[in-house]
Amino acid sequence: MSDPHIRPATPSDIDAVLRFWRTAAEGTSISDDRDGVARLLARDPEALLLAERDGTLVGTAIAGFDGWRCHLYRLAVHPDHRRQGLARALLEAAEERFSTLGGRRADAMVLEANARAHRAWGAAGYHREDHWRRWVKPL
């Protein structure tokens, strides 16, 4: 199988990404809509990484950097393409982006009930920090 082509998303990719997430991503976010993804791309055009094979979208990761912390979201691989190194390739691309931007540590949003994701993140060298909890407030 060929290595994936990883590139930043463009505004023309938004609809395909949203369709992809409905198939490949666990859970939903308040920002999983056209306006949310468009705002992300306008704010940081290189944050949403797409993995493609033969022109087909097979994986995504959001690699956001706010100047202080490196955040990973929406690591998703199409169910038909899992266990082929795509998540690792996306994470390597995200980590390279973070290093280039001067980032020092990456954190990831991982659903508590997604055991498959826990194994994938652990295999990539990430670990859970039980002394932190995320606090949220919808705006």
N, C-alpha and C. Protein backbone atom coordinates (compact mmCIF):
# COMPACT_ATOMS: atom_id res chain seq x y z
N MET A 1 0.85 -1.18 0.00
CA MET A 1 0.00 0.00 0.00
C MET A 1 0.89 1.24 0.00
N SER A 2 0.52 2.25 -0.74
CA SER A 2 1.34 3.46 -0.86
C SER A 2 1.26 4.31 0.40
N ASP A 3 2.33 5.07 0.63
CA ASP A 3 2.32 6.01 1.74
C ASP A 3 1.26 7.07 1.48
N PRO A 4 0.67 7.58 2.54
CA PRO A 4 -0.35 8.61 2.33
C PRO A 4 0.29 9.94 1.95
N HIS A 5 -0.45 10.71 1.20
CA HIS A 5 -0.08 12.10 0.93
C HIS A 5 -0.77 12.93 2.01
N ILE A 6 0.01 13.66 2.79
CA ILE A 6 -0.56 14.49 3.85
C ILE A 6 -0.40 15.94 3.47
N ARG A 7 -1.52 16.68 3.56
CA ARG A 7 -1.51 18.08 3.17
C ARG A 7 -2.49 18.85 4.04
N PRO A 8 -2.31 20.17 4.12
CA PRO A 8 -3.31 20.99 4.82
C PRO A 8 -4.61 21.06 4.02
N ALA A 9 -5.72 21.10 4.72
CA ALA A 9 -7.02 21.25 4.07
C ALA A 9 -7.16 22.65 3.51
N THR A 10 -8.02 22.79 2.53
CA THR A 10 -8.38 24.10 1.98
C THR A 10 -9.89 24.27 2.14
N PRO A 11 -10.38 25.48 1.96
CA PRO A 11 -11.84 25.67 2.07
C PRO A 11 -12.64 24.75 1.15
N SER A 12 -12.10 24.38 0.02
CA SER A 12 -12.85 23.49 -0.88
C SER A 12 -12.98 22.07 -0.32
N ASP A 13 -12.23 21.73 0.73
CA ASP A 13 -12.29 20.40 1.34
C ASP A 13 -13.34 20.30 2.45
N ILE A 14 -13.92 21.40 2.87
CA ILE A 14 -14.75 21.41 4.07
C ILE A 14 -15.89 20.40 4.01
N ASP A 15 -16.66 20.38 2.95
CA ASP A 15 -17.80 19.46 2.88
C ASP A 15 -17.35 18.00 2.93
N ALA A 16 -16.27 17.68 2.23
CA ALA A 16 -15.75 16.31 2.25
C ALA A 16 -15.26 15.92 3.64
N VAL A 17 -14.63 16.85 4.34
CA VAL A 17 -14.15 16.58 5.69
C VAL A 17 -15.33 16.32 6.63
N LEU A 18 -16.37 17.13 6.54
CA LEU A 18 -17.53 16.93 7.40
C LEU A 18 -18.20 15.58 7.12
N ARG A 19 -18.31 15.19 5.86
CA ARG A 19 -18.85 13.87 5.52
C ARG A 19 -17.94 12.76 6.08
N PHE A 20 -16.64 12.96 5.92
CA PHE A 20 -15.66 11.98 6.40
C PHE A 20 -15.80 11.77 7.90
N TRP A 21 -15.90 12.87 8.66
CA TRP A 21 -16.01 12.74 10.11
C TRP A 21 -17.25 11.97 10.54
N ARG A 22 -18.34 12.10 9.79
CA ARG A 22 -19.55 11.34 10.15
C ARG A 22 -19.30 9.84 10.04
N THR A 23 -18.38 9.43 9.18
CA THR A 23 -18.05 8.01 9.00
C THR A 23 -16.91 7.57 9.90
N ALA A 24 -15.89 8.41 10.05
CA ALA A 24 -14.63 7.96 10.64
C ALA A 24 -14.37 8.46 12.06
N ALA A 25 -14.98 9.53 12.48
CA ALA A 25 -14.67 10.12 13.79
C ALA A 25 -15.63 9.62 14.85
N GLU A 26 -15.15 9.54 16.07
CA GLU A 26 -15.99 9.20 17.22
C GLU A 26 -16.56 10.48 17.79
N GLY A 27 -17.83 10.48 18.08
CA GLY A 27 -18.43 11.63 18.72
C GLY A 27 -18.53 12.82 17.79
N THR A 28 -19.14 13.87 18.29
CA THR A 28 -19.28 15.11 17.54
C THR A 28 -18.85 16.27 18.41
N SER A 29 -18.59 17.37 17.76
CA SER A 29 -18.18 18.59 18.43
C SER A 29 -19.13 19.70 18.06
N ILE A 30 -19.23 20.68 18.90
CA ILE A 30 -20.06 21.84 18.62
C ILE A 30 -19.58 22.58 17.36
N SER A 31 -18.32 22.35 16.98
CA SER A 31 -17.73 23.02 15.82
C SER A 31 -17.76 22.17 14.55
N ASP A 32 -18.42 21.03 14.59
CA ASP A 32 -18.48 20.15 13.43
C ASP A 32 -19.53 20.63 12.43
N ASP A 33 -19.28 21.78 11.89
CA ASP A 33 -20.15 22.31 10.84
C ASP A 33 -19.31 23.17 9.91
N ARG A 34 -19.91 23.57 8.82
CA ARG A 34 -19.18 24.33 7.79
C ARG A 34 -18.53 25.59 8.38
N ASP A 35 -19.30 26.35 9.18
CA ASP A 35 -18.76 27.58 9.75
C ASP A 35 -17.59 27.31 10.69
N GLY A 36 -17.71 26.25 11.51
CA GLY A 36 -16.64 25.93 12.45
C GLY A 36 -15.34 25.58 11.75
N VAL A 37 -15.42 24.74 10.72
CA VAL A 37 -14.20 24.35 10.00
C VAL A 37 -13.66 25.53 9.20
N ALA A 38 -14.54 26.34 8.63
CA ALA A 38 -14.09 27.51 7.88
C ALA A 38 -13.35 28.49 8.79
N ARG A 39 -13.83 28.67 10.01
CA ARG A 39 -13.14 29.55 10.97
C ARG A 39 -11.76 29.01 11.31
N LEU A 40 -11.68 27.69 11.50
CA LEU A 40 -10.38 27.08 11.77
C LEU A 40 -9.40 27.37 10.64
N LEU A 41 -9.84 27.15 9.40
CA LEU A 41 -8.96 27.35 8.25
C LEU A 41 -8.59 28.81 8.05
N ALA A 42 -9.52 29.71 8.37
CA ALA A 42 -9.21 31.14 8.25
C ALA A 42 -8.20 31.56 9.30
N ARG A 43 -8.33 31.02 10.49
CA ARG A 43 -7.44 31.38 11.61
C ARG A 43 -6.06 30.76 11.47
N ASP A 44 -6.04 29.49 11.03
CA ASP A 44 -4.78 28.75 10.92
C ASP A 44 -4.88 27.80 9.72
N PRO A 45 -4.53 28.28 8.54
CA PRO A 45 -4.74 27.51 7.30
C PRO A 45 -4.02 26.16 7.24
N GLU A 46 -3.03 25.93 8.09
CA GLU A 46 -2.30 24.67 8.05
C GLU A 46 -2.65 23.72 9.18
N ALA A 47 -3.66 24.05 9.97
CA ALA A 47 -3.98 23.25 11.16
C ALA A 47 -4.68 21.94 10.84
N LEU A 48 -5.55 21.93 9.85
CA LEU A 48 -6.31 20.72 9.54
C LEU A 48 -5.53 19.91 8.51
N LEU A 49 -5.01 18.78 8.94
CA LEU A 49 -4.21 17.92 8.07
C LEU A 49 -5.08 16.82 7.50
N LEU A 50 -4.92 16.57 6.21
CA LEU A 50 -5.65 15.52 5.53
C LEU A 50 -4.67 14.47 5.02
N ALA A 51 -5.02 13.21 5.22
CA ALA A 51 -4.24 12.10 4.63
C ALA A 51 -5.07 11.55 3.49
N GLU A 52 -4.42 11.42 2.33
CA GLU A 52 -5.09 10.91 1.14
C GLU A 52 -4.28 9.77 0.55
N ARG A 53 -5.01 8.83 -0.02
CA ARG A 53 -4.40 7.76 -0.82
C ARG A 53 -5.14 7.74 -2.14
N ASP A 54 -4.39 7.87 -3.21
CA ASP A 54 -4.98 7.88 -4.56
C ASP A 54 -6.12 8.88 -4.67
N GLY A 55 -5.92 10.05 -4.05
CA GLY A 55 -6.91 11.12 -4.12
C GLY A 55 -8.11 10.95 -3.22
N THR A 56 -8.16 9.89 -2.41
CA THR A 56 -9.27 9.63 -1.52
C THR A 56 -8.90 10.02 -0.10
N LEU A 57 -9.76 10.76 0.57
CA LEU A 57 -9.54 11.16 1.96
C LEU A 57 -9.64 9.92 2.85
N VAL A 58 -8.57 9.62 3.58
CA VAL A 58 -8.55 8.44 4.45
C VAL A 58 -8.24 8.78 5.90
N GLY A 59 -7.86 10.03 6.20
CA GLY A 59 -7.56 10.40 7.58
C GLY A 59 -7.47 11.90 7.77
N THR A 60 -7.70 12.32 9.02
CA THR A 60 -7.59 13.73 9.37
C THR A 60 -6.96 13.88 10.75
N ALA A 61 -6.40 15.04 10.99
CA ALA A 61 -5.98 15.46 12.32
C ALA A 61 -5.97 16.97 12.33
N ILE A 62 -6.42 17.54 13.43
CA ILE A 62 -6.29 18.98 13.62
C ILE A 62 -5.09 19.18 14.54
N ALA A 63 -4.12 19.94 14.06
CA ALA A 63 -2.89 20.23 14.80
C ALA A 63 -2.85 21.73 15.05
N GLY A 64 -3.52 22.15 16.10
CA GLY A 64 -3.62 23.58 16.41
C GLY A 64 -2.54 24.03 17.36
N PHE A 65 -2.01 25.21 17.11
CA PHE A 65 -0.99 25.81 17.98
C PHE A 65 -1.39 27.23 18.27
N ASP A 66 -1.51 27.58 19.54
CA ASP A 66 -1.96 28.91 19.93
C ASP A 66 -0.81 29.81 20.36
N GLY A 67 0.42 29.36 20.10
CA GLY A 67 1.59 30.12 20.52
C GLY A 67 2.10 29.70 21.89
N TRP A 68 1.29 28.95 22.60
CA TRP A 68 1.64 28.49 23.95
C TRP A 68 1.62 26.97 24.02
N ARG A 69 0.53 26.38 23.50
CA ARG A 69 0.38 24.93 23.58
C ARG A 69 0.02 24.36 22.20
N CYS A 70 0.36 23.09 22.04
CA CYS A 70 0.05 22.36 20.82
C CYS A 70 -1.11 21.42 21.13
N HIS A 71 -2.18 21.54 20.37
CA HIS A 71 -3.39 20.77 20.63
C HIS A 71 -3.74 19.89 19.43
N LEU A 72 -4.10 18.65 19.71
CA LEU A 72 -4.50 17.70 18.68
C LEU A 72 -5.96 17.33 18.86
N TYR A 73 -6.69 17.40 17.76
CA TYR A 73 -8.10 17.06 17.75
C TYR A 73 -8.40 16.29 16.47
N ARG A 74 -9.52 15.62 16.46
CA ARG A 74 -10.09 15.01 15.27
C ARG A 74 -9.11 14.11 14.51
N LEU A 75 -8.29 13.35 15.28
CA LEU A 75 -7.51 12.29 14.65
C LEU A 75 -8.51 11.21 14.28
N ALA A 76 -8.70 11.03 13.00
CA ALA A 76 -9.69 10.06 12.52
C ALA A 76 -9.15 9.38 11.27
N VAL A 77 -9.36 8.08 11.22
CA VAL A 77 -8.96 7.28 10.05
C VAL A 77 -10.19 6.50 9.61
N HIS A 78 -10.42 6.47 8.32
CA HIS A 78 -11.58 5.75 7.78
C HIS A 78 -11.51 4.29 8.23
N PRO A 79 -12.63 3.72 8.65
CA PRO A 79 -12.63 2.34 9.15
C PRO A 79 -12.00 1.33 8.19
N ASP A 80 -12.12 1.52 6.89
CA ASP A 80 -11.53 0.59 5.92
C ASP A 80 -10.01 0.74 5.78
N HIS A 81 -9.44 1.76 6.42
CA HIS A 81 -8.01 2.03 6.25
C HIS A 81 -7.26 2.03 7.58
N ARG A 82 -7.88 1.53 8.63
CA ARG A 82 -7.22 1.51 9.94
C ARG A 82 -6.17 0.41 9.99
N ARG A 83 -5.25 0.58 10.94
CA ARG A 83 -4.16 -0.38 11.17
C ARG A 83 -3.21 -0.44 9.98
N GLN A 84 -3.04 0.70 9.30
CA GLN A 84 -2.13 0.78 8.16
C GLN A 84 -1.11 1.90 8.34
N GLY A 85 -1.01 2.45 9.55
CA GLY A 85 -0.03 3.50 9.82
C GLY A 85 -0.48 4.91 9.51
N LEU A 86 -1.75 5.09 9.17
CA LEU A 86 -2.22 6.43 8.82
C LEU A 86 -2.26 7.37 10.03
N ALA A 87 -2.74 6.89 11.15
CA ALA A 87 -2.78 7.73 12.35
C ALA A 87 -1.36 8.16 12.72
N ARG A 88 -0.44 7.21 12.68
CA ARG A 88 0.95 7.53 13.01
C ARG A 88 1.52 8.58 12.04
N ALA A 89 1.24 8.42 10.75
CA ALA A 89 1.73 9.39 9.75
C ALA A 89 1.13 10.78 10.01
N LEU A 90 -0.15 10.83 10.34
CA LEU A 90 -0.78 12.12 10.65
C LEU A 90 -0.16 12.74 11.90
N LEU A 91 0.06 11.93 12.93
CA LEU A 91 0.67 12.46 14.15
C LEU A 91 2.10 12.92 13.91
N GLU A 92 2.85 12.20 13.11
CA GLU A 92 4.21 12.65 12.78
C GLU A 92 4.17 13.99 12.05
N ALA A 93 3.23 14.15 11.12
CA ALA A 93 3.10 15.43 10.41
C ALA A 93 2.72 16.54 11.38
N ALA A 94 1.81 16.25 12.30
CA ALA A 94 1.39 17.25 13.30
C ALA A 94 2.56 17.62 14.20
N GLU A 95 3.30 16.63 14.67
CA GLU A 95 4.43 16.90 15.55
C GLU A 95 5.52 17.68 14.84
N GLU A 96 5.73 17.40 13.57
CA GLU A 96 6.71 18.18 12.79
C GLU A 96 6.25 19.63 12.68
N ARG A 97 4.96 19.82 12.44
CA ARG A 97 4.40 21.18 12.39
C ARG A 97 4.63 21.89 13.71
N PHE A 98 4.34 21.22 14.80
CA PHE A 98 4.51 21.83 16.13
C PHE A 98 5.97 22.20 16.38
N SER A 99 6.88 21.30 16.05
CA SER A 99 8.31 21.58 16.26
C SER A 99 8.75 22.79 15.45
N THR A 100 8.30 22.88 14.21
CA THR A 100 8.64 24.01 13.34
C THR A 100 8.12 25.33 13.93
N LEU A 101 6.96 25.27 14.57
CA LEU A 101 6.37 26.47 15.16
C LEU A 101 6.93 26.81 16.54
N GLY A 102 7.79 25.93 17.08
CA GLY A 102 8.38 26.17 18.40
C GLY A 102 7.62 25.53 19.54
N GLY A 103 6.69 24.65 19.22
CA GLY A 103 5.93 23.97 20.28
C GLY A 103 6.81 23.05 21.10
N ARG A 104 6.43 22.87 22.36
CA ARG A 104 7.24 22.05 23.27
C ARG A 104 6.56 20.78 23.73
N ARG A 105 5.23 20.77 23.69
CA ARG A 105 4.50 19.58 24.14
C ARG A 105 3.14 19.59 23.47
N ALA A 106 2.70 18.41 23.08
CA ALA A 106 1.39 18.29 22.44
C ALA A 106 0.42 17.61 23.40
N ASP A 107 -0.81 18.06 23.36
CA ASP A 107 -1.86 17.37 24.10
C ASP A 107 -2.95 16.97 23.12
N ALA A 108 -3.72 15.98 23.50
CA ALA A 108 -4.75 15.45 22.61
C ALA A 108 -6.08 15.35 23.34
N MET A 109 -7.15 15.68 22.62
CA MET A 109 -8.50 15.48 23.13
C MET A 109 -8.91 14.06 22.72
N VAL A 110 -9.16 13.20 23.69
CA VAL A 110 -9.50 11.81 23.42
C VAL A 110 -10.74 11.47 24.25
N LEU A 111 -11.75 10.96 23.58
CA LEU A 111 -12.97 10.58 24.29
C LEU A 111 -12.68 9.49 25.32
N GLU A 112 -13.22 9.68 26.49
CA GLU A 112 -12.99 8.75 27.61
C GLU A 112 -13.41 7.32 27.26
N ALA A 113 -14.50 7.15 26.56
CA ALA A 113 -15.02 5.81 26.28
C ALA A 113 -14.43 5.17 25.02
N ASN A 114 -13.53 5.84 24.33
CA ASN A 114 -13.00 5.32 23.07
C ASN A 114 -11.71 4.52 23.33
N ALA A 115 -11.87 3.27 23.74
CA ALA A 115 -10.74 2.42 24.10
C ALA A 115 -9.78 2.22 22.92
N ARG A 116 -10.32 2.11 21.70
CA ARG A 116 -9.46 1.94 20.52
C ARG A 116 -8.53 3.15 20.38
N ALA A 117 -9.08 4.34 20.61
CA ALA A 117 -8.25 5.54 20.53
C ALA A 117 -7.20 5.56 21.62
N HIS A 118 -7.53 5.10 22.81
CA HIS A 118 -6.55 5.07 23.90
C HIS A 118 -5.34 4.23 23.49
N ARG A 119 -5.60 3.08 22.87
CA ARG A 119 -4.50 2.22 22.42
C ARG A 119 -3.67 2.91 21.34
N ALA A 120 -4.32 3.59 20.41
CA ALA A 120 -3.61 4.26 19.32
C ALA A 120 -2.74 5.39 19.86
N TRP A 121 -3.31 6.20 20.74
CA TRP A 121 -2.53 7.31 21.31
C TRP A 121 -1.36 6.77 22.13
N GLY A 122 -1.60 5.73 22.91
CA GLY A 122 -0.53 5.15 23.71
C GLY A 122 0.58 4.60 22.83
N ALA A 123 0.23 3.94 21.74
CA ALA A 123 1.23 3.40 20.82
C ALA A 123 2.07 4.51 20.20
N ALA A 124 1.50 5.71 20.09
CA ALA A 124 2.23 6.84 19.51
C ALA A 124 3.06 7.60 20.56
N GLY A 125 3.05 7.11 21.80
CA GLY A 125 3.88 7.72 22.84
C GLY A 125 3.17 8.72 23.73
N TYR A 126 1.87 8.86 23.58
CA TYR A 126 1.10 9.79 24.41
C TYR A 126 0.61 9.04 25.65
N HIS A 127 0.44 9.77 26.74
CA HIS A 127 -0.09 9.15 27.95
C HIS A 127 -1.15 10.05 28.57
N ARG A 128 -2.01 9.42 29.31
CA ARG A 128 -3.12 10.11 29.96
C ARG A 128 -2.61 10.81 31.22
N GLU A 129 -3.08 12.01 31.45
CA GLU A 129 -2.78 12.73 32.68
C GLU A 129 -4.06 12.79 33.51
N ASP A 130 -4.13 11.97 34.52
CA ASP A 130 -5.35 11.87 35.31
C ASP A 130 -5.57 13.06 36.24
N HIS A 131 -4.56 13.87 36.47
CA HIS A 131 -4.73 14.99 37.39
C HIS A 131 -5.33 16.22 36.71
N TRP A 132 -5.61 16.16 35.41
CA TRP A 132 -6.25 17.26 34.69
C TRP A 132 -7.65 16.85 34.27
N ARG A 133 -8.54 17.77 34.23
CA ARG A 133 -9.87 17.57 33.66
C ARG A 133 -10.18 18.78 32.79
N ARG A 134 -10.88 18.53 31.73
CA ARG A 134 -11.28 19.60 30.82
C ARG A 134 -12.57 20.23 31.34
N TRP A 135 -12.59 21.52 31.42
CA TRP A 135 -13.79 22.26 31.82
C TRP A 135 -14.26 23.03 30.60
N VAL A 136 -15.53 22.97 30.28
CA VAL A 136 -16.04 23.61 29.08
C VAL A 136 -17.28 24.44 29.39
N LYS A 137 -17.52 25.40 28.51
CA LYS A 137 -18.73 26.20 28.56
C LYS A 137 -19.07 26.58 27.12
N PRO A 138 -20.18 26.09 26.60
CA PRO A 138 -20.58 26.50 25.25
C PRO A 138 -20.81 28.01 25.20
N LEU A 139 -20.40 28.63 24.12
CA LEU A 139 -20.58 30.08 23.98
C LEU A 139 -21.70 30.39 23.02
